[in-house]
Amino acid sequence: MAIELKPDSTISVGASRILSIDLQKELTGDEVLTGTPTITEASGVLTLTNKAVSTAALTINGRACAIGKAVQCLVNASAAVAGTTYTLTISVATDSSPAETLAYTHDVVAT
């Protein structure tokens, strides 16, 4: 079963923005995320593109996040309905030995 990542994210109806999701707490030591993450939204209302593991240090929700410890994608909410929660399903590999694939869900609320 996928782990639900909190806090939820918000996006304005009609907006396009980069969503960054911090996965540091899920990784051990110097473990990092690898490859291209799979990020989907079942209803198809949100368009998700440019899916990637972070290639730069980021600040997410006021917290520093090291390179390779977050997933990112461009979210287009042109068809979203205000007040609706959309659930993203995320799968991403790590460089651990043996290799792992992590599975998560993350809610995005249209405002």
Protein backbone atom coordinates (compact mmCIF):
# COMPACT_ATOMS: atom_id res chain seq x y z
CA MET A 1 0.00 0.00 0.00
CA ALA A 2 1.24 3.48 -0.86
CA ILE A 3 2.25 5.92 1.87
CA GLU A 4 0.23 9.17 1.92
CA LEU A 5 2.50 12.22 1.88
CA LYS A 6 1.43 15.31 3.82
CA PRO A 7 0.89 18.25 3.85
CA ASP A 8 -1.43 18.48 0.85
CA SER A 9 -0.50 20.86 -1.95
CA THR A 10 -2.77 23.51 -3.45
CA ILE A 11 -3.06 24.85 -6.97
CA SER A 12 -5.27 27.60 -8.35
CA VAL A 13 -7.79 26.62 -11.00
CA GLY A 14 -6.30 27.49 -14.40
CA ALA A 15 -2.72 27.64 -13.10
CA SER A 16 0.37 25.73 -14.19
CA ARG A 17 3.11 25.32 -11.61
CA ILE A 18 5.98 23.10 -10.61
CA LEU A 19 5.08 20.79 -7.75
CA SER A 20 8.00 19.60 -5.61
CA ILE A 21 7.48 16.77 -3.12
CA ASP A 22 10.11 16.20 -0.40
CA LEU A 23 10.92 12.51 0.17
CA GLN A 24 13.93 12.96 2.51
CA LYS A 25 12.16 11.32 5.46
CA GLU A 26 11.65 8.18 3.37
CA LEU A 27 15.35 7.79 2.49
CA THR A 28 18.18 6.50 4.66
CA GLY A 29 21.63 8.06 4.96
CA ASP A 30 23.03 9.12 1.60
CA GLU A 31 20.38 7.22 -0.38
CA VAL A 32 18.92 9.22 -3.29
CA LEU A 33 16.11 8.87 -5.78
CA THR A 34 17.01 7.73 -9.30
CA GLY A 35 15.51 7.55 -12.75
CA THR A 36 12.29 9.17 -13.88
CA PRO A 37 9.43 8.96 -11.38
CA THR A 38 5.99 7.79 -12.43
CA ILE A 39 3.42 10.40 -11.32
CA THR A 40 -0.23 10.00 -12.31
CA GLU A 41 -3.63 11.46 -11.42
CA ALA A 42 -6.50 9.01 -12.03
CA SER A 43 -9.24 11.40 -13.20
CA GLY A 44 -7.04 12.95 -15.88
CA VAL A 45 -8.19 16.45 -14.89
CA LEU A 46 -4.69 17.56 -13.91
CA THR A 47 -2.10 17.37 -16.68
CA LEU A 48 1.29 16.24 -15.29
CA THR A 49 4.47 16.74 -17.34
CA ASN A 50 8.23 17.19 -16.83
CA LYS A 51 8.39 14.48 -14.16
CA ALA A 52 11.85 14.27 -12.60
CA VAL A 53 13.97 13.68 -9.53
CA SER A 54 15.31 16.99 -8.19
CA THR A 55 18.65 18.04 -9.68
CA ALA A 56 19.17 21.05 -7.41
CA ALA A 57 18.85 21.77 -3.71
CA LEU A 58 15.31 23.03 -2.97
CA THR A 59 13.31 24.59 -0.17
CA ILE A 60 9.97 22.79 0.18
CA ASN A 61 7.45 23.95 2.80
CA GLY A 62 10.22 25.96 4.49
CA ARG A 63 12.57 22.98 4.74
CA ALA A 64 15.86 22.47 2.88
CA CYS A 65 15.80 19.46 0.58
CA ALA A 66 19.04 18.06 -0.87
CA ILE A 67 19.64 17.13 -4.52
CA GLY A 68 18.02 13.81 -5.43
CA LYS A 69 15.68 13.76 -2.43
CA ALA A 70 12.49 15.15 -4.05
CA VAL A 71 10.31 14.47 -7.05
CA GLN A 72 8.98 17.26 -9.23
CA CYS A 73 6.48 17.73 -12.04
CA LEU A 74 4.67 20.52 -13.84
CA VAL A 75 0.97 20.49 -12.92
CA ASN A 76 -1.55 22.13 -15.24
CA ALA A 77 -4.91 22.73 -13.55
CA SER A 78 -6.76 24.34 -16.49
CA ALA A 79 -9.63 21.82 -16.16
CA ALA A 80 -9.63 21.61 -12.35
CA VAL A 81 -12.70 22.41 -10.26
CA ALA A 82 -12.26 24.62 -7.18
CA GLY A 83 -12.66 22.75 -3.91
CA THR A 84 -11.83 19.39 -5.47
CA THR A 85 -9.03 17.18 -4.16
CA TYR A 86 -7.00 15.30 -6.77
CA THR A 87 -4.81 12.39 -5.66
CA LEU A 88 -1.43 11.85 -7.30
CA THR A 89 0.11 8.37 -7.32
CA ILE A 90 3.92 8.44 -7.24
CA SER A 91 6.44 5.67 -7.82
CA VAL A 92 10.20 6.27 -7.80
CA ALA A 93 13.35 4.16 -7.56
CA THR A 94 16.29 4.65 -5.20
CA ASP A 95 20.00 3.88 -5.42
CA SER A 96 19.90 1.63 -2.34
CA SER A 97 21.40 -1.83 -2.46
CA PRO A 98 19.33 -3.80 -3.13
CA ALA A 99 17.41 -1.20 -5.15
CA GLU A 100 13.98 -0.14 -3.89
CA THR A 101 10.94 1.34 -5.56
CA LEU A 102 8.96 3.65 -3.29
CA ALA A 103 5.19 4.19 -3.65
CA TYR A 104 3.22 7.20 -2.41
CA THR A 105 0.05 9.20 -2.79
CA HIS A 106 -0.17 12.97 -2.48
CA ASP A 107 -3.29 15.15 -2.55
CA VAL A 108 -3.51 18.37 -4.55
CA VAL A 109 -6.44 20.66 -3.73
CA ALA A 110 -7.72 23.05 -6.41
CA THR A 111 -8.54 26.51 -5.09
